[in-house]
Amino acid sequence: MTIGCSHLALGFNPSSPLSRKSNFALAAEKEATFGMGCFWKPAEELLKVPGVTDTVAGYTGKPDAKKPPTYDSVCYGRDWVEGVRVYYNDEKISYQELLNAFFEAQEPKPSSRQYASMIFPHDNEQENIAQKWLISEKERTRGDGVPVRITQVEPLSKFYQAEGYHQRYWAKQRPRFAVVVGLLALSTSLVDEFIPVDMKSSLHDIALGLVVAVGLYIVLERKIDSKVVEL
């Protein structure tokens, strides 16, 4: 596991798109695939874009893949790209508009293929739009210094949906962090002034026990929710 994508996740996500392949799709729904750096935040940010109906974090960019990768093989290898598969309604957002959203949401690291800024067109139309977009926007640079010129176009290859614990990652993380912080506060003396004296010891023990349970679940989740499937 890389430091840039450290993992802390707890609980089953009922909105996880694990069955995305089987219950696809709407009449006006189309697909797009991008490499956007570490896929956690970009996948969430694109969900906020009007017209985007779903996103899936995954692995792509290795045309000769014989079997699904794992997160560890992607992190310690040099062939794979962390990708985001985007489902969008082209009656509400065009592919060119989606490219603009991709550019603003990505968090690339130019020196790393895993975190590269990539466009993987699904057809000739997307290929033509992407190439024209790169030319017309070649001088464009974001406020944080990320330029369009680092973005590359590659042929579409197999896309593997990443392990379930990567899906909707930050949407799950925020409440978990809040719960852990609250439990740690209860397990120490930080909130003792609000707790009856005769309950302090037992509450400390219960809160500490729950913190340990959370930690154990975090370790087990990588085993429980480790399925990688081709979309």
C-alpha atoms as a PDB file:
ATOM      1  CA  MET A   1       0.000   0.000   0.000  1.00  0.00           C
ATOM      2  CA  THR A   2       1.293   3.454  -0.849  1.00  0.00           C
ATOM      3  CA  ILE A   3       1.395   6.304   1.637  1.00  0.00           C
ATOM      4  CA  GLY A   4      -0.646   8.500  -0.711  1.00  0.00           C
ATOM      5  CA  CYS A   5      -3.512   6.044  -0.580  1.00  0.00           C
ATOM      6  CA  SER A   6      -3.437   4.826   3.015  1.00  0.00           C
ATOM      7  CA  HIS A   7      -6.491   2.746   3.904  1.00  0.00           C
ATOM      8  CA  LEU A   8      -8.995   3.105   6.712  1.00  0.00           C
ATOM      9  CA  ALA A   9     -12.489   1.869   5.979  1.00  0.00           C
ATOM     10  CA  LEU A  10     -15.231   0.277   8.030  1.00  0.00           C
ATOM     11  CA  GLY A  11     -18.624  -1.121   7.191  1.00  0.00           C
ATOM     12  CA  PHE A  12     -20.493  -2.403   4.146  1.00  0.00           C
ATOM     13  CA  ASN A  13     -21.472   0.208   1.613  1.00  0.00           C
ATOM     14  CA  PRO A  14     -24.994  -0.518   0.318  1.00  0.00           C
ATOM     15  CA  SER A  15     -24.501   1.865  -2.607  1.00  0.00           C
ATOM     16  CA  SER A  16     -21.306   0.137  -3.751  1.00  0.00           C
ATOM     17  CA  PRO A  17     -21.479  -0.519  -7.521  1.00  0.00           C
ATOM     18  CA  LEU A  18     -20.403  -4.162  -7.244  1.00  0.00           C
ATOM     19  CA  SER A  19     -23.356  -5.238  -9.394  1.00  0.00           C
ATOM     20  CA  ARG A  20     -22.849  -2.385 -11.889  1.00  0.00           C
ATOM     21  CA  LYS A  21     -22.184  -4.802 -14.727  1.00  0.00           C
ATOM     22  CA  SER A  22     -25.440  -6.678 -14.267  1.00  0.00           C
ATOM     23  CA  ASN A  23     -27.919  -3.832 -13.712  1.00  0.00           C
ATOM     24  CA  PHE A  24     -26.567  -1.448 -16.381  1.00  0.00           C
ATOM     25  CA  ALA A  25     -28.177   1.010 -17.720  1.00  0.00           C
ATOM     26  CA  LEU A  26     -30.279   3.933 -18.820  1.00  0.00           C
ATOM     27  CA  ALA A  27     -31.152   4.732 -22.447  1.00  0.00           C
ATOM     28  CA  ALA A  28     -29.095   7.943 -22.520  1.00  0.00           C
ATOM     29  CA  GLU A  29     -26.302   6.607 -20.319  1.00  0.00           C
ATOM     30  CA  LYS A  30     -22.796   6.405 -21.705  1.00  0.00           C
ATOM     31  CA  GLU A  31     -19.410   5.419 -20.309  1.00  0.00           C
ATOM     32  CA  ALA A  32     -16.101   7.216 -20.044  1.00  0.00           C
ATOM     33  CA  THR A  33     -12.832   6.124 -18.483  1.00  0.00           C
ATOM     34  CA  PHE A  34     -10.056   8.269 -17.040  1.00  0.00           C
ATOM     35  CA  GLY A  35      -6.841   8.007 -15.076  1.00  0.00           C
ATOM     36  CA  MET A  36      -7.066  10.696 -12.406  1.00  0.00           C
ATOM     37  CA  GLY A  37      -4.381  10.020  -9.826  1.00  0.00           C
ATOM     38  CA  CYS A  38      -5.409   8.262  -6.611  1.00  0.00           C
ATOM     39  CA  PHE A  39      -8.981   7.338  -7.488  1.00  0.00           C
ATOM     40  CA  TRP A  40     -10.671   7.919  -4.124  1.00  0.00           C
ATOM     41  CA  LYS A  41     -11.341  11.663  -4.235  1.00  0.00           C
ATOM     42  CA  PRO A  42     -11.783  12.104  -8.032  1.00  0.00           C
ATOM     43  CA  ALA A  43     -14.389   9.331  -8.147  1.00  0.00           C
ATOM     44  CA  GLU A  44     -16.348  11.165  -5.453  1.00  0.00           C
ATOM     45  CA  GLU A  45     -15.888  14.613  -6.990  1.00  0.00           C
ATOM     46  CA  LEU A  46     -17.226  13.523 -10.383  1.00  0.00           C
ATOM     47  CA  LEU A  47     -20.405  12.262  -8.711  1.00  0.00           C
ATOM     48  CA  LYS A  48     -21.176  15.899  -7.884  1.00  0.00           C
ATOM     49  CA  VAL A  49     -21.182  16.865 -11.584  1.00  0.00           C
ATOM     50  CA  PRO A  50     -24.715  17.237 -13.018  1.00  0.00           C
ATOM     51  CA  GLY A  51     -25.323  14.488 -15.544  1.00  0.00           C
ATOM     52  CA  VAL A  52     -22.917  11.991 -13.981  1.00  0.00           C
ATOM     53  CA  THR A  53     -24.960   9.046 -12.719  1.00  0.00           C
ATOM     54  CA  ASP A  54     -22.277   6.795 -11.227  1.00  0.00           C
ATOM     55  CA  THR A  55     -18.540   6.315 -10.862  1.00  0.00           C
ATOM     56  CA  VAL A  56     -16.469   3.216 -10.203  1.00  0.00           C
ATOM     57  CA  ALA A  57     -12.885   3.135  -8.944  1.00  0.00           C
ATOM     58  CA  GLY A  58     -10.757   0.576 -10.716  1.00  0.00           C
ATOM     59  CA  TYR A  59      -7.624  -0.490 -12.544  1.00  0.00           C
ATOM     60  CA  THR A  60      -6.884  -0.195 -16.256  1.00  0.00           C
ATOM     61  CA  GLY A  61      -4.162   0.607 -18.771  1.00  0.00           C
ATOM     62  CA  LYS A  62      -2.642  -2.880 -19.135  1.00  0.00           C
ATOM     63  CA  PRO A  63      -3.852  -4.304 -22.482  1.00  0.00           C
ATOM     64  CA  ASP A  64      -2.057  -7.643 -22.037  1.00  0.00           C
ATOM     65  CA  ALA A  65      -3.564  -8.386 -18.627  1.00  0.00           C
ATOM     66  CA  LYS A  66      -4.301 -12.079 -18.205  1.00  0.00           C
ATOM     67  CA  LYS A  67      -5.956 -11.826 -14.794  1.00  0.00           C
ATOM     68  CA  PRO A  68      -7.413  -9.158 -12.486  1.00  0.00           C
ATOM     69  CA  PRO A  69      -4.848  -7.167 -10.502  1.00  0.00           C
ATOM     70  CA  THR A  70      -4.961  -6.421  -6.804  1.00  0.00           C
ATOM     71  CA  TYR A  71      -4.396  -3.098  -5.106  1.00  0.00           C
ATOM     72  CA  ASP A  72      -0.973  -4.249  -3.947  1.00  0.00           C
ATOM     73  CA  SER A  73       0.070  -5.422  -7.417  1.00  0.00           C
ATOM     74  CA  VAL A  74      -0.993  -2.044  -8.822  1.00  0.00           C
ATOM     75  CA  CYS A  75       0.837  -0.078  -6.131  1.00  0.00           C
ATOM     76  CA  TYR A  76       4.037  -2.096  -6.437  1.00  0.00           C
ATOM     77  CA  GLY A  77       3.929  -2.513 -10.211  1.00  0.00           C
ATOM     78  CA  ARG A  78       4.540  -0.152 -13.106  1.00  0.00           C
ATOM     79  CA  ASP A  79       1.908  -1.194 -15.639  1.00  0.00           C
ATOM     80  CA  TRP A  80      -1.471  -0.287 -14.195  1.00  0.00           C
ATOM     81  CA  VAL A  81      -3.326   3.010 -13.949  1.00  0.00           C
ATOM     82  CA  GLU A  82      -5.769   3.763 -11.146  1.00  0.00           C
ATOM     83  CA  GLY A  83      -8.834   4.578 -13.199  1.00  0.00           C
ATOM     84  CA  VAL A  84     -12.334   5.938 -12.779  1.00  0.00           C
ATOM     85  CA  ARG A  85     -15.145   4.535 -14.916  1.00  0.00           C
ATOM     86  CA  VAL A  86     -17.792   7.223 -15.304  1.00  0.00           C
ATOM     87  CA  TYR A  87     -21.423   6.649 -16.258  1.00  0.00           C
ATOM     88  CA  TYR A  88     -23.091   9.791 -17.532  1.00  0.00           C
ATOM     89  CA  ASN A  89     -26.271  10.965 -19.214  1.00  0.00           C
ATOM     90  CA  ASP A  90     -25.217  12.586 -22.481  1.00  0.00           C
ATOM     91  CA  GLU A  91     -28.520  14.440 -22.645  1.00  0.00           C
ATOM     92  CA  LYS A  92     -27.372  16.392 -19.576  1.00  0.00           C
ATOM     93  CA  ILE A  93     -23.605  16.577 -20.034  1.00  0.00           C
ATOM     94  CA  SER A  94     -21.508  16.252 -23.180  1.00  0.00           C
ATOM     95  CA  TYR A  95     -18.260  14.333 -23.345  1.00  0.00           C
ATOM     96  CA  GLN A  96     -16.352  17.587 -23.818  1.00  0.00           C
ATOM     97  CA  GLU A  97     -17.944  19.010 -20.684  1.00  0.00           C
ATOM     98  CA  LEU A  98     -17.040  15.792 -18.900  1.00  0.00           C
ATOM     99  CA  LEU A  99     -13.414  16.272 -19.975  1.00  0.00           C
ATOM    100  CA  ASN A 100     -13.438  19.668 -18.285  1.00  0.00           C
ATOM    101  CA  ALA A 101     -14.825  18.087 -15.112  1.00  0.00           C
ATOM    102  CA  PHE A 102     -12.187  15.334 -15.310  1.00  0.00           C
ATOM    103  CA  PHE A 103      -9.413  17.917 -15.559  1.00  0.00           C
ATOM    104  CA  GLU A 104     -10.601  19.847 -12.521  1.00  0.00           C
ATOM    105  CA  ALA A 105     -11.249  16.763 -10.356  1.00  0.00           C
ATOM    106  CA  GLN A 106      -8.072  14.785 -11.043  1.00  0.00           C
ATOM    107  CA  GLU A 107      -5.099  14.565  -8.672  1.00  0.00           C
ATOM    108  CA  PRO A 108      -2.323  13.247 -10.941  1.00  0.00           C
ATOM    109  CA  LYS A 109       1.341  12.590 -10.250  1.00  0.00           C
ATOM    110  CA  PRO A 110       3.151  12.940 -13.600  1.00  0.00           C
ATOM    111  CA  SER A 111       6.088  10.779 -12.494  1.00  0.00           C
ATOM    112  CA  SER A 112       3.866   7.783 -11.721  1.00  0.00           C
ATOM    113  CA  ARG A 113       1.927   5.672 -14.232  1.00  0.00           C
ATOM    114  CA  GLN A 114      -0.342   4.482 -11.433  1.00  0.00           C
ATOM    115  CA  TYR A 115      -1.428   8.079 -10.800  1.00  0.00           C
ATOM    116  CA  ALA A 116      -1.165   9.363 -14.384  1.00  0.00           C
ATOM    117  CA  SER A 117      -3.565  11.784 -16.055  1.00  0.00           C
ATOM    118  CA  MET A 118      -5.116   9.645 -18.781  1.00  0.00           C
ATOM    119  CA  ILE A 119      -8.058   9.642 -21.161  1.00  0.00           C
ATOM    120  CA  PHE A 120      -9.209   6.242 -22.435  1.00  0.00           C
ATOM    121  CA  PRO A 121     -11.744   6.884 -25.252  1.00  0.00           C
ATOM    122  CA  HIS A 122     -14.503   4.299 -25.670  1.00  0.00           C
ATOM    123  CA  ASP A 123     -15.096   4.977 -29.359  1.00  0.00           C
ATOM    124  CA  ASN A 124     -13.983   7.105 -32.297  1.00  0.00           C
ATOM    125  CA  GLU A 125     -16.257   9.960 -31.288  1.00  0.00           C
ATOM    126  CA  GLN A 126     -14.686  10.203 -27.839  1.00  0.00           C
ATOM    127  CA  GLU A 127     -11.218   9.852 -29.395  1.00  0.00           C
ATOM    128  CA  ASN A 128     -11.835  12.787 -31.759  1.00  0.00           C
ATOM    129  CA  ILE A 129     -13.316  14.970 -29.020  1.00  0.00           C
ATOM    130  CA  ALA A 130     -10.441  14.165 -26.654  1.00  0.00           C
ATOM    131  CA  GLN A 131      -7.756  14.972 -29.230  1.00  0.00           C
ATOM    132  CA  LYS A 132      -9.427  18.270 -30.145  1.00  0.00           C
ATOM    133  CA  TRP A 133      -9.844  19.097 -26.449  1.00  0.00           C
ATOM    134  CA  LEU A 134      -6.125  18.518 -25.805  1.00  0.00           C
ATOM    135  CA  ILE A 135      -5.221  20.847 -28.662  1.00  0.00           C
ATOM    136  CA  SER A 136      -7.689  23.603 -27.775  1.00  0.00           C
ATOM    137  CA  GLU A 137      -6.803  23.465 -24.064  1.00  0.00           C
ATOM    138  CA  LYS A 138      -3.046  22.902 -24.387  1.00  0.00           C
ATOM    139  CA  GLU A 139      -2.183  26.165 -22.609  1.00  0.00           C
ATOM    140  CA  ARG A 140      -4.675  25.569 -19.795  1.00  0.00           C
ATOM    141  CA  THR A 141      -3.328  25.261 -16.257  1.00  0.00           C
ATOM    142  CA  ARG A 142      -5.273  24.841 -13.032  1.00  0.00           C
ATOM    143  CA  GLY A 143      -4.867  27.179 -10.099  1.00  0.00           C
ATOM    144  CA  ASP A 144      -2.702  24.568  -8.350  1.00  0.00           C
ATOM    145  CA  GLY A 145      -0.351  24.342 -11.317  1.00  0.00           C
ATOM    146  CA  VAL A 146      -1.641  21.146 -12.971  1.00  0.00           C
ATOM    147  CA  PRO A 147      -1.416  21.669 -16.768  1.00  0.00           C
ATOM    148  CA  VAL A 148      -3.410  20.006 -19.524  1.00  0.00           C
ATOM    149  CA  ARG A 149      -0.170  19.053 -21.280  1.00  0.00           C
ATOM    150  CA  ILE A 150       0.484  16.191 -18.815  1.00  0.00           C
ATOM    151  CA  THR A 151      -2.725  14.441 -19.924  1.00  0.00           C
ATOM    152  CA  GLN A 152      -2.287  11.572 -22.353  1.00  0.00           C
ATOM    153  CA  VAL A 153      -4.700   9.598 -24.512  1.00  0.00           C
ATOM    154  CA  GLU A 154      -4.394   5.804 -24.628  1.00  0.00           C
ATOM    155  CA  PRO A 155      -6.554   3.130 -26.279  1.00  0.00           C
ATOM    156  CA  LEU A 156      -9.211   1.672 -24.031  1.00  0.00           C
ATOM    157  CA  SER A 157      -8.168  -1.566 -22.337  1.00  0.00           C
ATOM    158  CA  LYS A 158      -9.813  -3.847 -19.802  1.00  0.00           C
ATOM    159  CA  PHE A 159     -11.214  -2.080 -16.766  1.00  0.00           C
ATOM    160  CA  TYR A 160     -11.306  -3.927 -13.464  1.00  0.00           C
ATOM    161  CA  GLN A 161     -13.517  -2.638 -10.685  1.00  0.00           C
ATOM    162  CA  ALA A 162     -11.326  -2.252  -7.610  1.00  0.00           C
ATOM    163  CA  GLU A 163     -11.914  -3.945  -4.289  1.00  0.00           C
ATOM    164  CA  GLY A 164     -15.147  -2.909  -2.609  1.00  0.00           C
ATOM    165  CA  TYR A 165     -13.467  -1.002   0.196  1.00  0.00           C
ATOM    166  CA  HIS A 166     -12.176   1.489  -2.395  1.00  0.00           C
ATOM    167  CA  GLN A 167     -15.680   2.372  -3.638  1.00  0.00           C
ATOM    168  CA  ARG A 168     -17.186   5.593  -2.197  1.00  0.00           C
ATOM    169  CA  TYR A 169     -14.071   5.712  -0.053  1.00  0.00           C
ATOM    170  CA  TRP A 170     -14.234   9.222   1.410  1.00  0.00           C
ATOM    171  CA  ALA A 171     -18.014   9.131   1.788  1.00  0.00           C
ATOM    172  CA  LYS A 172     -17.428   6.223   4.173  1.00  0.00           C
ATOM    173  CA  GLN A 173     -14.287   7.626   5.759  1.00  0.00           C
ATOM    174  CA  ARG A 174     -15.614  10.891   7.149  1.00  0.00           C
ATOM    175  CA  PRO A 175     -18.205   9.438   9.541  1.00  0.00           C
ATOM    176  CA  ARG A 176     -15.767   6.689  10.549  1.00  0.00           C
ATOM    177  CA  PHE A 177     -13.112   9.163  11.520  1.00  0.00           C
ATOM    178  CA  ALA A 178     -15.708  11.051  13.563  1.00  0.00           C
ATOM    179  CA  VAL A 179     -16.738   7.845  15.357  1.00  0.00           C
ATOM    180  CA  VAL A 180     -13.128   6.887  16.115  1.00  0.00           C
ATOM    181  CA  VAL A 181     -12.313  10.363  17.440  1.00  0.00           C
ATOM    182  CA  GLY A 182     -15.402  10.245  19.640  1.00  0.00           C
ATOM    183  CA  LEU A 183     -14.493   6.806  21.009  1.00  0.00           C
ATOM    184  CA  LEU A 184     -10.947   7.906  21.733  1.00  0.00           C
ATOM    185  CA  ALA A 185     -12.283  10.906  23.611  1.00  0.00           C
ATOM    186  CA  LEU A 186     -14.519   8.618  25.699  1.00  0.00           C
ATOM    187  CA  SER A 187     -11.663   6.213  26.394  1.00  0.00           C
ATOM    188  CA  THR A 188      -9.538   8.991  27.925  1.00  0.00           C
ATOM    189  CA  SER A 189     -10.255  11.763  30.383  1.00  0.00           C
ATOM    190  CA  LEU A 190     -11.110  14.400  27.775  1.00  0.00           C
ATOM    191  CA  VAL A 191     -14.853  14.294  28.466  1.00  0.00           C
ATOM    192  CA  ASP A 192     -14.821  13.014  32.043  1.00  0.00           C
ATOM    193  CA  GLU A 193     -16.401  16.213  33.361  1.00  0.00           C
ATOM    194  CA  PHE A 194     -19.590  15.280  31.496  1.00  0.00           C
ATOM    195  CA  ILE A 195     -19.695  11.668  32.738  1.00  0.00           C
ATOM    196  CA  PRO A 196     -21.003  10.538  36.146  1.00  0.00           C
ATOM    197  CA  VAL A 197     -18.155   9.399  38.372  1.00  0.00           C
ATOM    198  CA  ASP A 198     -19.518   5.876  38.812  1.00  0.00           C
ATOM    199  CA  MET A 199     -19.680   5.385  35.025  1.00  0.00           C
ATOM    200  CA  LYS A 200     -16.257   6.689  34.013  1.00  0.00           C
ATOM    201  CA  SER A 201     -14.315   3.472  34.342  1.00  0.00           C
ATOM    202  CA  SER A 202     -16.815   1.308  32.480  1.00  0.00           C
ATOM    203  CA  LEU A 203     -17.272   3.854  29.682  1.00  0.00           C
ATOM    204  CA  HIS A 204     -13.507   4.119  29.247  1.00  0.00           C
ATOM    205  CA  ASP A 205     -13.240   0.351  28.919  1.00  0.00           C
ATOM    206  CA  ILE A 206     -16.174   0.068  26.499  1.00  0.00           C
ATOM    207  CA  ALA A 207     -14.901   2.907  24.291  1.00  0.00           C
ATOM    208  CA  LEU A 208     -11.389   1.455  24.200  1.00  0.00           C
ATOM    209  CA  GLY A 209     -12.788  -1.958  23.343  1.00  0.00           C
ATOM    210  CA  LEU A 210     -14.754  -0.464  20.444  1.00  0.00           C
ATOM    211  CA  VAL A 211     -11.651   1.302  19.141  1.00  0.00           C
ATOM    212  CA  VAL A 212      -9.826  -2.029  19.124  1.00  0.00           C
ATOM    213  CA  ALA A 213     -12.802  -3.650  17.357  1.00  0.00           C
ATOM    214  CA  VAL A 214     -12.720  -0.956  14.686  1.00  0.00           C
ATOM    215  CA  GLY A 215      -9.020  -1.555  14.178  1.00  0.00           C
ATOM    216  CA  LEU A 216      -9.569  -5.294  13.772  1.00  0.00           C
ATOM    217  CA  TYR A 217     -12.358  -4.721  11.274  1.00  0.00           C
ATOM    218  CA  ILE A 218     -10.130  -2.437   9.229  1.00  0.00           C
ATOM    219  CA  VAL A 219      -7.612  -5.259   8.930  1.00  0.00           C
ATOM    220  CA  LEU A 220     -10.279  -7.856   8.114  1.00  0.00           C
ATOM    221  CA  GLU A 221     -12.079  -5.674   5.575  1.00  0.00           C
ATOM    222  CA  ARG A 222      -9.235  -5.964   3.083  1.00  0.00           C
ATOM    223  CA  LYS A 223      -9.826  -9.726   3.138  1.00  0.00           C
ATOM    224  CA  ILE A 224     -13.628  -9.626   3.274  1.00  0.00           C
ATOM    225  CA  ASP A 225     -14.144  -7.001   0.562  1.00  0.00           C
ATOM    226  CA  SER A 226     -11.294  -7.947  -1.791  1.00  0.00           C
ATOM    227  CA  LYS A 227     -13.146  -8.929  -4.978  1.00  0.00           C
ATOM    228  CA  VAL A 228     -11.856  -7.395  -8.222  1.00  0.00           C
ATOM    229  CA  VAL A 229     -14.069  -7.873 -11.296  1.00  0.00           C
ATOM    230  CA  GLU A 230     -13.815  -6.912 -14.934  1.00  0.00           C
ATOM    231  CA  LEU A 231     -16.512  -4.513 -16.117  1.00  0.00           C
END
